[in-house]
Protein backbone atom coordinates (compact mmCIF):
# COMPACT_ATOMS: atom_id res chain seq x y z
CA MET A 1 -43.35 -73.92 65.76
CA ASP A 2 -42.84 -76.70 63.19
CA LEU A 3 -41.29 -75.65 59.90
CA ILE A 4 -41.06 -79.19 58.56
CA GLY A 5 -44.55 -80.66 58.56
CA ASN A 6 -44.56 -84.06 56.85
CA ARG A 7 -41.81 -83.17 54.36
CA THR A 8 -38.92 -85.50 53.58
CA LEU A 9 -35.46 -85.26 52.04
CA ALA A 10 -37.07 -86.12 48.71
CA ASP A 11 -39.34 -83.11 49.08
CA LEU A 12 -36.42 -80.82 49.93
CA LEU A 13 -34.40 -81.81 46.87
CA ALA A 14 -37.40 -81.71 44.53
CA GLU A 15 -38.41 -78.26 45.81
CA ARG A 16 -34.94 -76.82 45.31
CA ALA A 17 -34.57 -78.39 41.86
CA ALA A 18 -37.89 -76.87 40.80
CA ARG A 19 -36.83 -73.45 42.06
CA HIS A 20 -33.16 -73.44 40.98
CA PRO A 21 -32.78 -76.11 38.28
CA ASP A 22 -29.59 -74.70 36.74
CA ARG A 23 -27.85 -73.58 39.93
CA ALA A 24 -24.87 -75.64 41.12
CA CYS A 25 -26.02 -78.06 43.80
CA LEU A 26 -23.05 -80.34 44.31
CA VAL A 27 -19.34 -80.00 43.52
CA VAL A 28 -16.96 -82.88 44.22
CA GLU A 29 -13.18 -82.86 44.00
CA ASP A 30 -11.60 -86.32 44.14
CA GLY A 31 -8.17 -87.27 45.40
CA SER A 32 -6.57 -86.68 42.01
CA GLY A 33 -7.90 -83.13 41.85
CA ALA A 34 -10.58 -83.90 39.25
CA VAL A 35 -13.69 -81.77 39.80
CA THR A 36 -17.26 -82.68 38.87
CA GLU A 37 -20.20 -80.29 39.22
CA TYR A 38 -23.91 -81.10 39.25
CA THR A 39 -26.79 -78.66 38.98
CA TYR A 40 -29.91 -79.12 41.05
CA ARG A 41 -31.65 -80.60 38.01
CA GLU A 42 -28.80 -83.05 37.41
CA THR A 43 -28.61 -84.00 41.08
CA LEU A 44 -32.34 -84.69 41.23
CA ASP A 45 -32.15 -86.82 38.09
CA ALA A 46 -29.20 -88.82 39.44
CA VAL A 47 -30.98 -89.37 42.77
CA ARG A 48 -34.18 -90.52 41.08
CA ARG A 49 -32.28 -92.93 38.83
CA THR A 50 -30.32 -94.29 41.78
CA ALA A 51 -33.58 -94.77 43.68
CA GLY A 52 -34.97 -96.62 40.68
CA GLY A 53 -31.93 -98.88 40.61
CA PHE A 54 -32.20 -99.65 44.31
CA ALA A 55 -35.89 -100.42 43.88
CA ALA A 56 -35.14 -102.74 40.95
CA LEU A 57 -32.76 -104.68 43.19
CA GLY A 58 -35.50 -105.05 45.77
CA VAL A 59 -34.56 -102.35 48.29
CA GLY A 60 -37.70 -100.84 49.79
CA HIS A 61 -39.24 -98.82 52.59
CA GLY A 62 -37.41 -99.43 55.87
CA ASP A 63 -34.57 -101.47 54.40
CA ALA A 64 -31.08 -100.57 55.64
CA VAL A 65 -28.09 -100.26 53.31
CA VAL A 66 -24.53 -99.75 54.55
CA ILE A 67 -22.49 -97.14 52.65
CA GLN A 68 -18.72 -97.18 53.04
CA LEU A 69 -17.35 -94.59 50.62
CA ARG A 70 -15.03 -91.63 50.72
CA ASN A 71 -16.48 -88.24 49.79
CA CYS A 72 -17.90 -88.61 46.29
CA ALA A 73 -21.04 -87.88 44.30
CA GLU A 74 -22.09 -91.53 44.53
CA PHE A 75 -22.38 -91.18 48.30
CA VAL A 76 -24.82 -88.29 47.96
CA PHE A 77 -26.84 -89.96 45.20
CA ALA A 78 -27.13 -93.17 47.22
CA TRP A 79 -28.03 -91.32 50.44
CA PHE A 80 -30.85 -89.39 48.80
CA GLY A 81 -31.79 -92.31 46.55
CA LEU A 82 -32.44 -94.46 49.59
CA ALA A 83 -34.34 -91.61 51.24
CA TRP A 84 -36.44 -91.34 48.06
CA LEU A 85 -37.65 -94.90 48.68
CA GLY A 86 -38.10 -94.57 52.43
CA ALA A 87 -35.05 -96.78 52.94
CA VAL A 88 -32.30 -96.21 55.51
CA MET A 89 -28.66 -95.24 55.00
CA VAL A 90 -26.12 -96.70 57.43
CA PRO A 91 -22.82 -94.82 56.94
CA SER A 92 -19.65 -96.74 57.76
CA ASN A 93 -16.33 -95.11 58.58
CA VAL A 94 -13.82 -95.90 55.82
CA ALA A 95 -11.28 -96.74 58.55
CA ASN A 96 -13.48 -99.43 60.08
CA SER A 97 -11.97 -102.85 60.66
CA ALA A 98 -13.63 -106.06 59.48
CA ALA A 99 -14.95 -106.70 62.99
CA GLU A 100 -16.45 -103.21 63.20
CA LEU A 101 -18.04 -103.52 59.77
CA ALA A 102 -19.50 -106.93 60.63
CA TYR A 103 -21.02 -105.55 63.84
CA LEU A 104 -22.50 -102.58 62.01
CA ILE A 105 -24.08 -104.79 59.32
CA GLU A 106 -25.48 -107.23 61.86
CA ARG A 107 -26.77 -104.61 64.30
CA SER A 108 -28.49 -102.51 61.63
CA GLU A 109 -29.99 -105.60 59.96
CA ALA A 110 -28.69 -104.32 56.65
CA VAL A 111 -29.92 -105.94 53.44
CA GLY A 112 -27.40 -104.19 51.19
CA VAL A 113 -23.95 -102.63 51.03
CA LEU A 114 -22.30 -100.04 48.82
CA THR A 115 -18.53 -99.64 48.82
CA GLU A 116 -15.54 -99.00 46.55
CA PRO A 117 -12.72 -101.20 45.22
CA ARG A 118 -10.19 -100.43 47.97
CA HIS A 119 -12.53 -101.97 50.57
CA LEU A 120 -13.58 -105.07 48.59
CA PRO A 121 -11.19 -107.54 50.30
CA MET A 122 -12.58 -106.64 53.72
CA PHE A 123 -16.17 -106.73 52.46
CA ALA A 124 -15.57 -110.15 50.89
CA GLU A 125 -14.35 -111.41 54.27
CA VAL A 126 -17.30 -109.96 56.18
CA LEU A 127 -20.01 -110.81 53.66
CA ALA A 128 -18.94 -114.46 53.54
CA GLY A 129 -20.72 -114.76 56.87
CA ALA A 130 -23.65 -112.46 56.05
CA PRO A 131 -26.00 -114.18 53.58
CA GLU A 132 -28.79 -111.78 54.59
CA VAL A 133 -26.97 -108.99 52.74
CA ARG A 134 -28.57 -109.61 49.35
CA HIS A 135 -27.63 -106.42 47.53
CA ARG A 136 -23.90 -105.80 47.02
CA ILE A 137 -22.84 -102.75 45.03
CA VAL A 138 -19.43 -101.31 44.17
CA ALA A 139 -18.83 -97.73 43.02
CA ARG A 140 -15.89 -95.72 41.70
CA GLY A 141 -14.31 -98.48 39.64
CA ASP A 142 -14.51 -100.33 36.35
CA GLY A 143 -16.92 -103.23 36.49
CA ALA A 144 -17.53 -105.30 39.61
CA PRO A 145 -16.28 -108.61 41.03
CA ALA A 146 -18.50 -111.67 41.18
CA GLY A 147 -21.45 -111.12 43.48
CA PHE A 148 -21.36 -107.32 43.19
CA VAL A 149 -23.29 -104.94 40.93
CA PRO A 150 -21.62 -101.80 39.52
CA PHE A 151 -23.11 -98.59 40.90
CA ALA A 152 -23.07 -97.26 37.35
CA ASP A 153 -25.69 -99.89 36.48
CA VAL A 154 -27.77 -99.11 39.57
CA SER A 155 -27.80 -95.37 38.82
CA SER A 156 -28.46 -95.48 35.08
CA GLY A 157 -31.95 -96.95 34.89
CA PRO A 158 -35.40 -95.34 34.77
CA PRO A 159 -36.02 -92.64 37.41
CA ALA A 160 -38.27 -93.51 40.33
CA ASP A 161 -41.11 -91.46 41.75
CA PRO A 162 -41.00 -90.80 45.51
CA ALA A 163 -42.29 -93.79 47.45
CA LYS A 164 -45.79 -93.40 48.82
CA GLY A 165 -46.33 -93.44 52.54
CA VAL A 166 -42.94 -91.99 53.52
CA GLY A 167 -43.28 -89.30 56.18
CA SER A 168 -41.07 -86.89 58.07
CA GLU A 169 -40.80 -89.14 61.12
CA ASP A 170 -39.65 -92.18 59.14
CA VAL A 171 -36.05 -93.20 59.79
CA VAL A 172 -33.70 -92.13 57.00
CA GLU A 173 -30.36 -92.95 58.61
CA MET A 174 -28.84 -95.06 61.35
CA LEU A 175 -25.69 -93.47 62.69
CA PHE A 176 -23.66 -95.52 65.13
CA THR A 177 -22.40 -93.95 68.34
CA SER A 178 -18.87 -94.43 69.57
CA GLY A 179 -20.08 -96.92 72.19
CA THR A 180 -19.25 -95.10 75.41
CA THR A 181 -20.55 -97.67 77.86
CA ALA A 182 -21.05 -100.76 75.72
CA ARG A 183 -21.06 -101.67 72.04
CA PRO A 184 -21.97 -98.82 69.67
CA LYS A 185 -25.69 -98.04 69.46
CA ALA A 186 -27.55 -97.14 66.27
CA VAL A 187 -29.08 -93.66 66.49
CA MET A 188 -32.28 -93.51 64.42
CA ILE A 189 -32.30 -90.24 62.49
CA THR A 190 -35.50 -89.21 60.73
CA HIS A 191 -36.26 -87.03 57.73
CA ALA A 192 -37.49 -84.37 60.16
CA ASN A 193 -34.20 -84.51 62.07
CA CYS A 194 -32.29 -83.86 58.85
CA LEU A 195 -34.54 -81.02 57.71
CA TRP A 196 -34.41 -79.37 61.13
CA GLY A 197 -30.62 -79.70 61.08
CA GLY A 198 -30.42 -77.87 57.77
CA GLU A 199 -32.68 -75.13 59.10
CA ARG A 200 -30.64 -74.65 62.28
CA VAL A 201 -27.30 -74.39 60.52
CA SER A 202 -28.52 -72.17 57.68
CA ARG A 203 -30.27 -69.78 60.07
CA GLY A 204 -27.53 -69.84 62.69
CA ALA A 205 -24.83 -69.08 60.10
CA ALA A 206 -27.02 -66.62 58.15
CA LEU A 207 -26.59 -68.57 54.90
CA HIS A 208 -28.26 -67.74 51.59
CA GLY A 209 -28.60 -69.18 48.09
CA GLY A 210 -25.37 -67.63 46.88
CA ASP A 211 -23.27 -69.41 49.50
CA ARG A 212 -20.86 -72.19 48.59
CA LEU A 213 -20.23 -74.44 51.60
CA LEU A 214 -16.97 -76.41 51.47
CA THR A 215 -15.76 -79.27 53.63
CA ALA A 216 -13.08 -81.93 53.62
CA LEU A 217 -14.79 -83.71 56.52
CA PRO A 218 -16.18 -87.15 55.64
CA LEU A 219 -19.80 -87.70 54.66
CA PHE A 220 -20.00 -90.76 56.91
CA HIS A 221 -20.13 -88.29 59.82
CA ILE A 222 -23.21 -86.17 60.43
CA ASN A 223 -21.13 -82.98 60.50
CA ALA A 224 -20.55 -82.99 56.74
CA GLN A 225 -24.07 -84.24 56.08
CA GLU A 226 -25.86 -81.47 57.93
CA ILE A 227 -23.45 -78.55 58.28
CA THR A 228 -22.49 -78.71 54.61
CA VAL A 229 -24.89 -80.70 52.39
CA LEU A 230 -28.23 -80.17 54.13
CA ALA A 231 -27.49 -76.56 55.08
CA ALA A 232 -26.64 -75.81 51.44
CA LEU A 233 -29.79 -77.52 50.15
CA THR A 234 -31.96 -75.71 52.68
CA VAL A 235 -31.07 -72.31 51.20
CA GLY A 236 -30.54 -73.46 47.61
CA GLY A 237 -26.77 -73.03 47.89
CA THR A 238 -23.89 -75.22 46.74
CA ALA A 239 -22.17 -78.03 48.67
CA VAL A 240 -18.50 -78.50 47.81
CA LEU A 241 -16.96 -81.80 48.96
CA LEU A 242 -13.24 -82.53 48.99
CA GLU A 243 -12.26 -86.18 49.08
CA GLU A 244 -9.00 -85.44 50.87
CA TYR A 245 -7.75 -82.87 53.34
CA HIS A 246 -4.29 -81.35 52.95
CA ALA A 247 -3.34 -78.52 55.29
CA GLY A 248 -0.94 -77.04 52.77
CA GLY A 249 -3.44 -76.95 49.93
CA PHE A 250 -6.71 -76.29 51.73
CA TRP A 251 -6.97 -72.55 51.07
CA SER A 252 -5.98 -72.93 47.43
CA ARG A 253 -8.94 -75.31 47.04
CA VAL A 254 -11.15 -72.83 48.90
CA ARG A 255 -10.15 -70.12 46.44
CA HIS A 256 -10.54 -72.40 43.43
CA HIS A 257 -14.08 -73.37 44.44
CA ARG A 258 -15.04 -69.81 45.44
CA ALA A 259 -16.23 -71.08 48.82
CA THR A 260 -17.92 -68.64 51.19
CA SER A 261 -18.17 -70.92 54.25
CA VAL A 262 -16.15 -73.88 55.50
CA SER A 263 -16.65 -76.52 58.18
CA LEU A 264 -13.63 -77.51 60.26
CA VAL A 265 -12.53 -79.53 63.26
CA ALA A 266 -9.80 -78.43 65.64
CA MET A 267 -7.19 -80.75 64.10
CA GLN A 268 -7.54 -78.88 60.82
CA VAL A 269 -7.18 -75.52 62.54
CA ARG A 270 -3.95 -76.69 64.18
CA THR A 271 -2.42 -78.30 61.11
CA MET A 272 -3.09 -75.17 59.06
CA LEU A 273 -1.46 -73.01 61.71
CA ALA A 274 1.56 -75.33 61.70
CA ARG A 275 2.23 -74.46 58.06
CA PRO A 276 4.50 -71.50 57.26
CA PRO A 277 2.48 -68.30 56.63
CA ALA A 278 1.92 -67.42 52.98
CA PRO A 279 0.99 -64.05 51.41
CA GLY A 280 -2.32 -65.40 50.11
CA ASP A 281 -3.53 -66.98 53.36
CA ALA A 282 -6.43 -64.53 53.66
CA ALA A 283 -7.10 -64.14 49.92
CA HIS A 284 -10.45 -65.89 49.70
CA ARG A 285 -14.20 -65.29 49.93
CA VAL A 286 -14.84 -67.23 53.16
CA HIS A 287 -16.55 -65.08 55.74
CA ARG A 288 -16.92 -67.67 58.49
CA ALA A 289 -15.82 -71.14 59.51
CA ILE A 290 -18.11 -73.37 61.53
CA TYR A 291 -16.23 -75.70 63.83
CA ALA A 292 -16.56 -77.88 66.91
CA ILE A 293 -14.14 -78.93 69.64
CA ASN A 294 -12.50 -76.04 71.42
CA VAL A 295 -9.15 -74.63 70.41
CA THR A 296 -7.03 -72.46 72.66
CA ASP A 297 -7.40 -68.70 72.84
CA GLN A 298 -4.05 -68.33 71.09
CA GLU A 299 -5.02 -70.73 68.28
CA LYS A 300 -8.36 -69.02 67.76
CA ASP A 301 -6.86 -65.53 67.63
CA GLU A 302 -3.99 -66.56 65.37
CA PHE A 303 -6.28 -68.45 62.98
CA GLU A 304 -8.75 -65.60 62.65
CA ARG A 305 -5.98 -63.05 62.19
CA ARG A 306 -3.90 -65.06 59.73
CA PHE A 307 -6.68 -66.44 57.56
CA GLY A 308 -9.16 -63.57 57.89
CA VAL A 309 -11.97 -65.90 58.96
CA GLU A 310 -14.41 -65.68 61.84
CA LEU A 311 -14.62 -68.95 63.78
CA ILE A 312 -18.20 -69.83 64.71
CA ASN A 313 -18.20 -72.26 67.61
CA GLY A 314 -20.95 -74.82 68.06
CA TYR A 315 -22.05 -77.89 69.96
CA GLY A 316 -24.14 -80.83 68.90
CA LEU A 317 -24.61 -84.57 68.99
CA SER A 318 -26.38 -87.15 66.85
CA GLU A 319 -28.97 -87.91 69.51
CA GLY A 320 -29.87 -84.23 69.70
CA GLY A 321 -30.56 -83.83 66.01
CA THR A 322 -27.01 -82.59 65.53
CA VAL A 323 -26.55 -78.85 66.13
CA VAL A 324 -27.74 -77.67 69.54
CA THR A 325 -25.93 -74.35 70.03
CA MET A 326 -24.01 -71.92 67.81
CA SER A 327 -22.13 -68.72 68.40
CA PRO A 328 -24.23 -65.82 67.11
CA VAL A 329 -23.05 -64.51 63.75
CA PHE A 330 -24.25 -61.03 64.61
CA GLY A 331 -23.52 -60.18 68.21
CA ASP A 332 -21.28 -61.11 71.10
CA ARG A 333 -19.65 -64.53 70.73
CA ARG A 334 -18.44 -64.60 74.36
CA TRP A 335 -15.50 -66.90 73.70
CA PRO A 336 -14.99 -69.66 74.88
CA SER A 337 -18.76 -70.10 74.92
CA ILE A 338 -20.19 -72.72 72.56
CA GLY A 339 -22.93 -70.26 71.75
CA LEU A 340 -26.61 -69.82 72.35
CA PRO A 341 -29.30 -72.49 71.97
CA ASN A 342 -30.70 -72.74 68.45
CA PHE A 343 -33.96 -70.94 67.76
CA ASP A 344 -36.02 -74.08 68.46
CA ARG A 345 -34.06 -75.23 71.53
CA ARG A 346 -33.97 -74.84 75.27
CA ILE A 347 -31.01 -75.84 77.44
CA ARG A 348 -30.99 -76.83 81.09
CA ILE A 349 -28.05 -77.56 83.37
CA VAL A 350 -28.90 -80.05 86.12
CA ASP A 351 -27.12 -81.72 89.01
CA ASP A 352 -27.00 -85.47 89.64
CA ALA A 353 -30.45 -85.31 91.24
CA GLY A 354 -31.96 -83.61 88.18
CA ARG A 355 -32.28 -80.21 89.84
CA ASP A 356 -31.53 -77.07 87.83
CA VAL A 357 -28.30 -75.40 88.87
CA PRO A 358 -27.88 -71.60 88.89
CA ALA A 359 -25.90 -69.67 86.30
CA GLY A 360 -22.23 -70.55 86.53
CA GLY A 361 -22.93 -73.89 88.17
CA ILE A 362 -21.60 -76.98 86.40
CA GLY A 363 -23.94 -79.85 85.64
CA GLU A 364 -25.22 -82.11 82.89
CA ILE A 365 -26.39 -80.43 79.67
CA LEU A 366 -30.04 -81.24 78.84
CA VAL A 367 -31.58 -80.40 75.48
CA SER A 368 -35.30 -79.93 74.86
CA GLY A 369 -37.02 -81.56 71.92
CA VAL A 370 -39.48 -84.04 70.46
CA PRO A 371 -38.26 -87.56 69.62
CA GLY A 372 -38.40 -88.20 65.89
CA ARG A 373 -38.59 -84.51 65.06
CA THR A 374 -36.03 -82.36 66.84
CA LEU A 375 -34.38 -85.22 68.74
CA MET A 376 -33.42 -88.69 67.55
CA LYS A 377 -36.25 -91.18 67.24
CA GLY A 378 -34.34 -93.47 69.58
CA TYR A 379 -31.71 -96.17 69.56
CA PHE A 380 -32.55 -98.97 67.12
CA LYS A 381 -34.10 -101.89 69.00
CA ASP A 382 -32.80 -100.61 72.33
CA PRO A 383 -35.77 -99.16 74.24
CA GLU A 384 -33.94 -99.31 77.57
CA ALA A 385 -31.07 -97.14 76.36
CA THR A 386 -33.52 -94.80 74.67
CA ALA A 387 -35.56 -94.39 77.85
CA ALA A 388 -32.39 -93.74 79.83
CA THR A 389 -31.39 -90.94 77.45
CA VAL A 390 -34.64 -89.14 76.60
CA TRP A 391 -37.54 -88.59 78.96
CA ASP A 392 -40.05 -85.87 79.76
CA GLY A 393 -39.06 -83.96 76.62
CA TRP A 394 -35.38 -83.69 77.51
CA LEU A 395 -32.30 -85.33 76.04
CA HIS A 396 -29.70 -86.12 78.69
CA THR A 397 -26.46 -85.57 76.79
CA GLY A 398 -24.00 -87.01 79.27
CA ASP A 399 -21.88 -83.87 78.78
CA HIS A 400 -21.12 -81.31 81.48
CA GLY A 401 -21.32 -77.57 81.04
CA TYR A 402 -22.76 -74.38 82.46
CA LEU A 403 -24.80 -71.32 81.51
CA ASP A 404 -23.94 -67.70 82.15
CA GLU A 405 -26.44 -65.02 83.17
CA GLN A 406 -27.26 -64.20 79.53
CA GLY A 407 -27.96 -67.82 78.54
CA TYR A 408 -24.70 -68.55 76.72
CA VAL A 409 -23.61 -72.18 77.03
CA TYR A 410 -20.11 -73.30 78.02
CA PHE A 411 -18.76 -76.81 77.59
CA PHE A 412 -16.87 -78.22 80.58
CA ASP A 413 -16.11 -81.89 79.97
CA ARG A 414 -17.51 -85.20 78.78
CA LYS A 415 -19.34 -87.23 81.31
CA LYS A 416 -19.31 -90.09 78.88
CA ASP A 417 -16.00 -91.80 78.36
CA VAL A 418 -15.28 -90.62 74.82
CA ILE A 419 -11.89 -89.65 73.44
CA LYS A 420 -11.85 -86.98 70.72
CA ARG A 421 -9.12 -87.68 68.18
CA ALA A 422 -8.78 -85.52 65.07
CA GLY A 423 -12.52 -85.09 64.74
CA GLU A 424 -13.30 -88.75 65.47
CA ASN A 425 -15.04 -90.11 68.55
CA VAL A 426 -13.17 -93.01 70.15
CA SER A 427 -14.92 -95.13 72.75
CA ALA A 428 -12.60 -96.06 75.60
CA SER A 429 -14.70 -99.14 76.35
CA GLU A 430 -14.54 -100.32 72.74
CA VAL A 431 -10.74 -100.11 72.79
CA GLU A 432 -10.71 -101.89 76.15
CA PHE A 433 -12.82 -104.72 74.71
CA ALA A 434 -10.31 -105.10 71.88
CA LEU A 435 -7.38 -105.16 74.30
CA LEU A 436 -9.04 -107.77 76.51
CA ALA A 437 -9.34 -110.08 73.51
CA HIS A 438 -5.55 -110.53 73.68
CA PRO A 439 -4.70 -113.70 75.63
CA SER A 440 -1.85 -112.02 77.53
CA ILE A 441 -4.02 -109.19 78.92
CA ALA A 442 -6.13 -109.65 82.04
CA GLU A 443 -7.30 -106.07 82.57
CA ALA A 444 -7.30 -102.90 80.52
CA ALA A 445 -8.18 -99.26 81.00
CA VAL A 446 -8.10 -96.59 78.30
CA VAL A 447 -7.99 -92.85 78.89
CA ALA A 448 -7.34 -89.68 76.93
CA ALA A 449 -4.25 -87.53 77.06
CA PRO A 450 -3.91 -84.10 75.43
CA ASP A 451 -2.50 -84.14 71.89
CA PRO A 452 -1.34 -80.75 70.57
CA VAL A 453 -2.45 -81.56 67.02
CA ARG A 454 -5.12 -84.27 67.14
CA ASP A 455 -7.03 -83.04 70.20
CA GLU A 456 -6.61 -86.16 72.34
CA GLU A 457 -4.38 -89.22 72.39
CA VAL A 458 -5.54 -92.79 73.12
CA VAL A 459 -3.54 -94.17 76.07
CA ALA A 460 -3.91 -97.74 77.34
CA PHE A 461 -2.98 -99.30 80.68
CA VAL A 462 -2.90 -103.12 80.63
CA VAL A 463 -2.37 -105.77 83.30
CA PRO A 464 -0.74 -109.05 82.18
CA ALA A 465 -2.72 -112.26 82.55
CA ALA A 466 -1.59 -114.60 85.33
CA GLY A 467 0.95 -117.13 84.14
CA GLU A 468 1.52 -115.26 80.88
CA PRO A 469 4.68 -113.36 79.94
CA PRO A 470 4.31 -109.57 79.90
CA PRO A 471 2.63 -108.60 76.62
CA ASP A 472 4.86 -106.98 74.02
CA ARG A 473 3.73 -103.44 73.13
CA ASP A 474 4.29 -103.94 69.41
CA GLU A 475 2.25 -107.13 69.48
CA ILE A 476 -0.56 -105.34 71.34
CA THR A 477 -0.54 -102.63 68.69
CA ARG A 478 -0.73 -105.21 65.89
CA HIS A 479 -3.53 -106.96 67.76
CA CYS A 480 -5.51 -103.72 68.03
CA ARG A 481 -4.97 -102.83 64.38
CA ARG A 482 -6.63 -106.11 63.40
CA ARG A 483 -9.73 -105.17 65.40
CA LEU A 484 -9.99 -101.39 65.38
CA ALA A 485 -9.94 -98.47 63.01
CA THR A 486 -6.49 -96.88 62.85
CA PHE A 487 -7.48 -93.77 64.81
CA LYS A 488 -8.71 -95.94 67.72
CA VAL A 489 -5.45 -97.84 68.19
CA PRO A 490 -3.63 -96.74 71.38
CA THR A 491 -0.64 -94.53 70.73
CA ARG A 492 0.82 -95.23 74.18
CA ILE A 493 0.63 -98.50 76.10
CA HIS A 494 1.63 -98.83 79.76
CA VAL A 495 2.03 -102.34 81.18
CA VAL A 496 1.24 -102.25 84.91
CA PRO A 497 0.85 -104.92 87.62
CA GLU A 498 -2.54 -103.58 88.69
CA LEU A 499 -5.04 -100.80 88.03
CA PRO A 500 -6.14 -98.36 90.75
CA LYS A 501 -9.68 -99.23 91.85
CA THR A 502 -12.39 -98.08 94.21
CA SER A 503 -13.66 -100.19 97.08
CA ILE A 504 -16.29 -101.70 94.79
CA GLY A 505 -13.77 -102.62 92.10
CA LYS A 506 -14.32 -99.77 89.65
CA VAL A 507 -11.19 -98.55 87.89
CA GLU A 508 -10.30 -95.03 89.02
CA LYS A 509 -9.46 -93.53 85.68
CA LYS A 510 -9.05 -90.10 87.20
CA LEU A 511 -5.85 -91.35 88.85
CA LEU A 512 -4.56 -92.60 85.51
CA ARG A 513 -5.39 -89.27 83.87
CA ARG A 514 -3.77 -87.37 86.73
CA ARG A 515 -0.58 -89.37 86.34
CA LEU A 516 -0.51 -88.52 82.62
CA SER A 517 -1.27 -84.83 83.07
CA GLU A 518 0.88 -84.25 86.17
CA PRO A 519 3.94 -86.48 85.81
CA VAL A 520 6.29 -86.59 88.76
CA PRO A 521 9.89 -87.62 87.99
CA GLY A 522 10.60 -91.05 89.37
CA GLU A 523 7.00 -91.67 90.39
CA PRO A 524 5.50 -94.84 88.90
CA VAL A 525 2.21 -94.91 87.09
CA PRO A 526 -0.62 -95.81 89.55
CA GLY A 527 -0.20 -99.51 90.18
CA GLY A 528 3.45 -99.31 89.08
CA GLU A 529 4.48 -99.26 85.42
CA ARG A 530 6.79 -101.90 84.03
């Protein structure tokens, strides 16, 4: 069954604008509380004009453009404007460091960038060494510095027609992984991937054209893109984007925008619960909240009871075309299950030899699909990594879980070394690379520790370099902040004489994790902490 055919994001928006021209398509609330609303007709016009402006600059089919913006209308117009031309969006986390931005630009072979005034100093630093980035655009400000073009100029010209020759399996986005085993890889996401994502979420959550989907999650992550924007467009609903998240004011914004569905991460659930109860906590129109990353039984029950919202659990990953499983809206949710496979999916659980394990047995989660349609097209210019991840019609997720007798999926742990912090993926190896760039550090290992609010904490163990004085923790932190996004910087640093290793020299991180999770008074950290 293929619902998508050769359609693209341009087709989706044009179809909805033709059917519901005067219905609200996009609502954006900025950090000051100012709200702007766009109908489907207005959104389509803005997208076409933005596409025309990109084309006038010389951006064309297959060209990559980095977008580093907070949630705003310009992000959506640029995303769909690039898609209109067959070009490729490369979203950049607004917390990225200069080194991370430079890597992203170089690896994606970007020819253009779009950012906002607060990031211009960093972009100036990075772009000084990137002459190949010919198109430099700044949004959300008055005018533009030398070498940059105002987005207002780009988006105010003649509207463009959809580019010819753009198909559903063309790449529309490159989304960088958190780099679990090496440097981050660029996941190639196609138009078909996006359209399938919208279908899965809208069907799984039983959405309709009257729904207003609200999120404060950032558009540079695929969660907000697909669970909010694309799901809303799929049913002709309304996407409501908040630039900022505030636990104390979230439900007042939900009420103000008449939202019927919200998308959350566990950090938001916990910070809302940490606020004192208020009489109007459940006075809203939201009937369900879609979220990822498990919360405790107590947190789930308290949240649903206090806020009058049903939590719909789910599981997904960029390589898998985002959403893979969702708790059924109508039927048994079987908490703490992460739900049932989506209507177009099959799930297998296999052991290390690739053999299917029986119900209840833990193994790697495999997801069925077709590359470029229901699975990613691959990793950009990395055929070896692609072949190691997808073969014989199955995506090997690197995550462990199990199935019950009725086919419900349960998440067990992450085979890949990724730390989940407040909705962000942090690569342990990436943090280790940053630590090893310090001249006083000879070895480094990074692991996760439970964080009651932000899911997991980044904890580093470092070994001093021979002949060097023991590294100062504050200096290590400053060093990391120069190289990493804020949420990746270790919150705890242990200086140790050595790291526990196997007979072949591999760091035994399980011993480090065990020491963190099962502290024994007076017992040193493995290797001996200083």
